[in-house]
Amino acid sequence: MHLPYTRISKYPYNFRTITGLSIKTFDKLIIKVRPIFQELESSKLRHGQMSHLPTLEDKLLCILMYYRTYIRCLVPNNYGYISKDVISDKNQVKNYGTTTT
């Protein structure tokens, strides 16, 4: 599935939900990252397959989506926390960790 920046940036609410950043903040981040990225790309040897993500915006969007998913879903489960997004029953969240005797 390919979700290009040009498409998702038309929907600010969805963009923020997916990345955790507003479009304005994302654009500022792109401005800061672009010189570093261009420097790395210019020194890179061109062997192998080309990236499936053509633009820097698409690459950064993919990274942010990955981190957002990892932090919200995988980290809490690995450390024994329950995410409120995963459990919809408020009583389970409220009573989690309490023991009944």
N, C-alpha and C. Protein backbone atom coordinates (compact mmCIF):
# COMPACT_ATOMS: atom_id res chain seq x y z
N MET A 1 0.85 -1.18 0.00
CA MET A 1 0.00 0.00 0.00
C MET A 1 0.89 1.24 0.00
N HIS A 2 0.58 2.14 -0.87
CA HIS A 2 1.36 3.37 -0.95
C HIS A 2 0.46 4.54 -0.57
N LEU A 3 0.86 5.28 0.42
CA LEU A 3 0.11 6.44 0.89
C LEU A 3 1.01 7.66 0.73
N PRO A 4 0.99 8.29 -0.44
CA PRO A 4 1.91 9.41 -0.67
C PRO A 4 1.56 10.64 0.15
N TYR A 5 2.57 11.39 0.46
CA TYR A 5 2.41 12.63 1.21
C TYR A 5 1.44 13.58 0.51
N THR A 6 1.53 13.64 -0.81
CA THR A 6 0.65 14.56 -1.55
C THR A 6 -0.82 14.24 -1.34
N ARG A 7 -1.14 12.98 -1.14
CA ARG A 7 -2.54 12.59 -0.94
C ARG A 7 -2.99 12.81 0.51
N ILE A 8 -2.19 12.34 1.47
CA ILE A 8 -2.61 12.41 2.87
C ILE A 8 -2.54 13.83 3.41
N SER A 9 -1.70 14.67 2.84
CA SER A 9 -1.59 16.05 3.33
C SER A 9 -2.83 16.88 3.03
N LYS A 10 -3.71 16.37 2.21
CA LYS A 10 -4.98 17.07 1.92
C LYS A 10 -5.98 16.89 3.06
N TYR A 11 -5.68 15.99 3.98
CA TYR A 11 -6.58 15.69 5.10
C TYR A 11 -5.83 15.90 6.42
N PRO A 12 -5.81 17.13 6.94
CA PRO A 12 -5.00 17.45 8.13
C PRO A 12 -5.31 16.59 9.36
N TYR A 13 -6.58 16.30 9.59
CA TYR A 13 -6.93 15.50 10.77
C TYR A 13 -6.35 14.09 10.65
N ASN A 14 -6.53 13.47 9.50
CA ASN A 14 -5.99 12.13 9.28
C ASN A 14 -4.47 12.12 9.33
N PHE A 15 -3.87 13.16 8.78
CA PHE A 15 -2.41 13.27 8.79
C PHE A 15 -1.89 13.30 10.22
N ARG A 16 -2.53 14.09 11.06
CA ARG A 16 -2.10 14.19 12.47
C ARG A 16 -2.33 12.87 13.21
N THR A 17 -3.42 12.20 12.90
CA THR A 17 -3.70 10.91 13.53
C THR A 17 -2.65 9.87 13.15
N ILE A 18 -2.25 9.87 11.90
CA ILE A 18 -1.30 8.88 11.41
C ILE A 18 0.12 9.15 11.89
N THR A 19 0.53 10.42 11.88
CA THR A 19 1.93 10.76 12.16
C THR A 19 2.16 11.32 13.56
N GLY A 20 1.15 11.91 14.16
CA GLY A 20 1.33 12.58 15.44
C GLY A 20 1.79 14.02 15.27
N LEU A 21 1.93 14.49 14.04
CA LEU A 21 2.37 15.86 13.75
C LEU A 21 1.35 16.57 12.89
N SER A 22 1.30 17.89 13.05
CA SER A 22 0.49 18.68 12.13
C SER A 22 1.26 18.81 10.82
N ILE A 23 0.58 19.18 9.76
CA ILE A 23 1.24 19.35 8.46
C ILE A 23 2.27 20.46 8.54
N LYS A 24 1.96 21.52 9.28
CA LYS A 24 2.90 22.64 9.43
C LYS A 24 4.19 22.18 10.11
N THR A 25 4.07 21.40 11.17
CA THR A 25 5.24 20.88 11.87
C THR A 25 6.02 19.91 10.98
N PHE A 26 5.31 19.09 10.24
CA PHE A 26 5.95 18.16 9.32
C PHE A 26 6.76 18.91 8.26
N ASP A 27 6.19 19.98 7.72
CA ASP A 27 6.90 20.79 6.72
C ASP A 27 8.15 21.43 7.30
N LYS A 28 8.08 21.88 8.55
CA LYS A 28 9.27 22.43 9.21
C LYS A 28 10.34 21.35 9.38
N LEU A 29 9.91 20.16 9.72
CA LEU A 29 10.84 19.05 9.89
C LEU A 29 11.51 18.70 8.56
N ILE A 30 10.75 18.73 7.48
CA ILE A 30 11.30 18.46 6.15
C ILE A 30 12.39 19.48 5.81
N ILE A 31 12.14 20.75 6.12
CA ILE A 31 13.12 21.80 5.83
C ILE A 31 14.43 21.54 6.58
N LYS A 32 14.33 21.06 7.83
CA LYS A 32 15.54 20.77 8.62
C LYS A 32 16.25 19.50 8.15
N VAL A 33 15.50 18.52 7.72
CA VAL A 33 16.07 17.23 7.36
C VAL A 33 16.63 17.21 5.93
N ARG A 34 16.06 18.00 5.04
CA ARG A 34 16.43 17.94 3.62
C ARG A 34 17.93 18.11 3.36
N PRO A 35 18.63 19.10 3.96
CA PRO A 35 20.07 19.22 3.68
C PRO A 35 20.87 17.98 4.12
N ILE A 36 20.51 17.42 5.24
CA ILE A 36 21.20 16.23 5.74
C ILE A 36 20.94 15.05 4.81
N PHE A 37 19.69 14.92 4.39
CA PHE A 37 19.31 13.83 3.49
C PHE A 37 20.03 13.97 2.15
N GLN A 38 20.09 15.17 1.60
CA GLN A 38 20.76 15.38 0.32
C GLN A 38 22.25 15.09 0.41
N GLU A 39 22.85 15.43 1.53
CA GLU A 39 24.27 15.13 1.73
C GLU A 39 24.51 13.62 1.76
N LEU A 40 23.65 12.91 2.46
CA LEU A 40 23.78 11.45 2.52
C LEU A 40 23.53 10.81 1.16
N GLU A 41 22.53 11.29 0.46
CA GLU A 41 22.20 10.75 -0.86
C GLU A 41 23.31 11.00 -1.87
N SER A 42 23.96 12.14 -1.80
CA SER A 42 25.01 12.45 -2.77
C SER A 42 26.24 11.57 -2.58
N SER A 43 26.48 11.13 -1.35
CA SER A 43 27.64 10.28 -1.09
C SER A 43 27.33 8.79 -1.25
N LYS A 44 26.08 8.47 -1.52
CA LYS A 44 25.64 7.09 -1.60
C LYS A 44 25.99 6.48 -2.96
N LEU A 45 26.45 5.26 -2.94
CA LEU A 45 26.68 4.54 -4.19
C LEU A 45 25.34 4.08 -4.74
N ARG A 46 25.16 4.10 -6.01
CA ARG A 46 23.87 3.78 -6.63
C ARG A 46 23.77 2.32 -7.07
N HIS A 47 24.10 1.40 -6.21
CA HIS A 47 23.97 -0.01 -6.54
C HIS A 47 22.69 -0.53 -5.90
N GLY A 48 22.08 -1.48 -6.53
CA GLY A 48 20.88 -2.08 -5.97
C GLY A 48 19.61 -1.43 -6.46
N GLN A 49 18.55 -1.75 -5.79
CA GLN A 49 17.23 -1.30 -6.19
C GLN A 49 16.96 0.13 -5.74
N MET A 50 16.20 0.85 -6.54
CA MET A 50 15.79 2.20 -6.17
C MET A 50 14.69 2.10 -5.11
N SER A 51 14.55 3.14 -4.33
CA SER A 51 13.55 3.18 -3.28
C SER A 51 12.14 3.21 -3.87
N HIS A 52 11.23 2.56 -3.19
CA HIS A 52 9.82 2.60 -3.60
C HIS A 52 9.16 3.90 -3.16
N LEU A 53 9.83 4.63 -2.30
CA LEU A 53 9.32 5.91 -1.83
C LEU A 53 10.11 7.01 -2.53
N PRO A 54 9.51 7.66 -3.52
CA PRO A 54 10.28 8.56 -4.39
C PRO A 54 10.74 9.86 -3.75
N THR A 55 10.00 10.41 -2.81
CA THR A 55 10.35 11.72 -2.27
C THR A 55 10.76 11.62 -0.80
N LEU A 56 11.46 12.63 -0.35
CA LEU A 56 11.84 12.71 1.06
C LEU A 56 10.59 12.76 1.94
N GLU A 57 9.58 13.47 1.49
CA GLU A 57 8.33 13.57 2.26
C GLU A 57 7.71 12.19 2.47
N ASP A 58 7.71 11.37 1.42
CA ASP A 58 7.15 10.02 1.53
C ASP A 58 7.97 9.16 2.49
N LYS A 59 9.28 9.31 2.44
CA LYS A 59 10.16 8.53 3.32
C LYS A 59 9.96 8.91 4.78
N LEU A 60 9.90 10.21 5.04
CA LEU A 60 9.69 10.67 6.41
C LEU A 60 8.30 10.27 6.92
N LEU A 61 7.31 10.36 6.05
CA LEU A 61 5.95 9.94 6.41
C LEU A 61 5.94 8.46 6.80
N CYS A 62 6.62 7.64 6.05
CA CYS A 62 6.70 6.21 6.35
C CYS A 62 7.37 5.96 7.70
N ILE A 63 8.45 6.68 7.97
CA ILE A 63 9.16 6.53 9.25
C ILE A 63 8.27 6.94 10.41
N LEU A 64 7.58 8.07 10.27
CA LEU A 64 6.72 8.55 11.35
C LEU A 64 5.54 7.60 11.59
N MET A 65 4.97 7.06 10.51
CA MET A 65 3.88 6.10 10.66
C MET A 65 4.37 4.85 11.39
N TYR A 66 5.56 4.40 11.06
CA TYR A 66 6.13 3.22 11.72
C TYR A 66 6.32 3.49 13.21
N TYR A 67 6.97 4.60 13.55
CA TYR A 67 7.22 4.92 14.95
C TYR A 67 5.93 5.12 15.72
N ARG A 68 4.97 5.77 15.11
CA ARG A 68 3.68 6.00 15.77
C ARG A 68 3.01 4.66 16.09
N THR A 69 3.02 3.75 15.14
CA THR A 69 2.42 2.43 15.35
C THR A 69 3.20 1.65 16.40
N TYR A 70 4.50 1.69 16.33
CA TYR A 70 5.35 0.96 17.27
C TYR A 70 5.13 1.44 18.69
N ILE A 71 5.14 2.75 18.88
CA ILE A 71 4.99 3.32 20.22
C ILE A 71 3.60 3.07 20.78
N ARG A 72 2.57 3.17 19.95
CA ARG A 72 1.20 3.04 20.45
C ARG A 72 0.76 1.60 20.64
N CYS A 73 1.35 0.66 19.90
CA CYS A 73 0.87 -0.72 19.96
C CYS A 73 1.87 -1.71 20.56
N LEU A 74 3.10 -1.67 20.09
CA LEU A 74 4.05 -2.70 20.48
C LEU A 74 4.72 -2.44 21.82
N VAL A 75 5.15 -1.22 22.06
CA VAL A 75 5.87 -0.92 23.30
C VAL A 75 5.00 -1.17 24.54
N PRO A 76 3.77 -0.68 24.58
CA PRO A 76 2.96 -0.94 25.79
C PRO A 76 2.77 -2.42 26.06
N ASN A 77 2.57 -3.21 25.03
CA ASN A 77 2.36 -4.64 25.22
C ASN A 77 3.63 -5.34 25.70
N ASN A 78 4.78 -4.89 25.24
CA ASN A 78 6.04 -5.51 25.65
C ASN A 78 6.40 -5.21 27.10
N TYR A 79 5.91 -4.12 27.64
CA TYR A 79 6.26 -3.74 29.00
C TYR A 79 5.10 -3.88 29.98
N GLY A 80 4.07 -4.60 29.58
CA GLY A 80 2.99 -4.91 30.50
C GLY A 80 1.95 -3.83 30.67
N TYR A 81 1.97 -2.82 29.83
CA TYR A 81 0.96 -1.78 29.89
C TYR A 81 -0.15 -2.12 28.91
N ILE A 82 -1.33 -1.66 29.21
CA ILE A 82 -2.44 -1.86 28.29
C ILE A 82 -2.82 -0.52 27.69
N SER A 83 -2.84 -0.45 26.39
CA SER A 83 -3.19 0.78 25.70
C SER A 83 -4.70 0.97 25.71
N LYS A 84 -5.14 2.16 26.01
CA LYS A 84 -6.57 2.45 26.00
C LYS A 84 -7.15 2.34 24.60
N ASP A 85 -6.30 2.47 23.57
CA ASP A 85 -6.77 2.31 22.20
C ASP A 85 -7.08 0.86 21.88
N VAL A 86 -6.38 -0.06 22.55
CA VAL A 86 -6.55 -1.47 22.27
C VAL A 86 -7.74 -2.04 23.02
N ILE A 87 -7.93 -1.62 24.24
CA ILE A 87 -9.04 -2.14 25.05
C ILE A 87 -10.15 -1.10 25.09
N SER A 88 -11.29 -1.47 24.61
CA SER A 88 -12.40 -0.52 24.56
C SER A 88 -13.24 -0.55 25.84
N ASP A 89 -13.16 -1.62 26.60
CA ASP A 89 -13.96 -1.73 27.81
C ASP A 89 -13.29 -0.95 28.93
N LYS A 90 -13.92 0.14 29.36
CA LYS A 90 -13.34 1.02 30.37
C LYS A 90 -13.13 0.30 31.70
N ASN A 91 -13.95 -0.67 32.00
CA ASN A 91 -13.81 -1.39 33.27
C ASN A 91 -12.53 -2.21 33.30
N GLN A 92 -12.13 -2.77 32.17
CA GLN A 92 -10.89 -3.54 32.14
C GLN A 92 -9.70 -2.64 32.40
N VAL A 93 -9.71 -1.43 31.83
CA VAL A 93 -8.61 -0.49 32.04
C VAL A 93 -8.61 -0.04 33.49
N LYS A 94 -9.79 0.26 34.02
CA LYS A 94 -9.91 0.75 35.39
C LYS A 94 -9.46 -0.31 36.39
N ASN A 95 -9.81 -1.57 36.15
CA ASN A 95 -9.51 -2.63 37.09
C ASN A 95 -8.21 -3.37 36.79
N TYR A 96 -7.49 -2.97 35.77
CA TYR A 96 -6.24 -3.65 35.41
C TYR A 96 -5.23 -3.52 36.55
N GLY A 97 -4.67 -4.62 36.94
CA GLY A 97 -3.64 -4.62 37.98
C GLY A 97 -4.19 -4.83 39.38
N THR A 98 -5.49 -4.76 39.55
CA THR A 98 -6.05 -5.00 40.88
C THR A 98 -6.34 -6.49 41.01
N THR A 99 -6.17 -6.99 42.19
CA THR A 99 -6.42 -8.41 42.42
C THR A 99 -7.68 -8.56 43.26
N THR A 100 -8.37 -9.62 42.99
CA THR A 100 -9.56 -9.93 43.79
C THR A 100 -9.28 -11.19 44.58
N THR A 101 -9.63 -11.16 45.82
CA THR A 101 -9.40 -12.34 46.68
C THR A 101 -10.67 -12.89 47.20
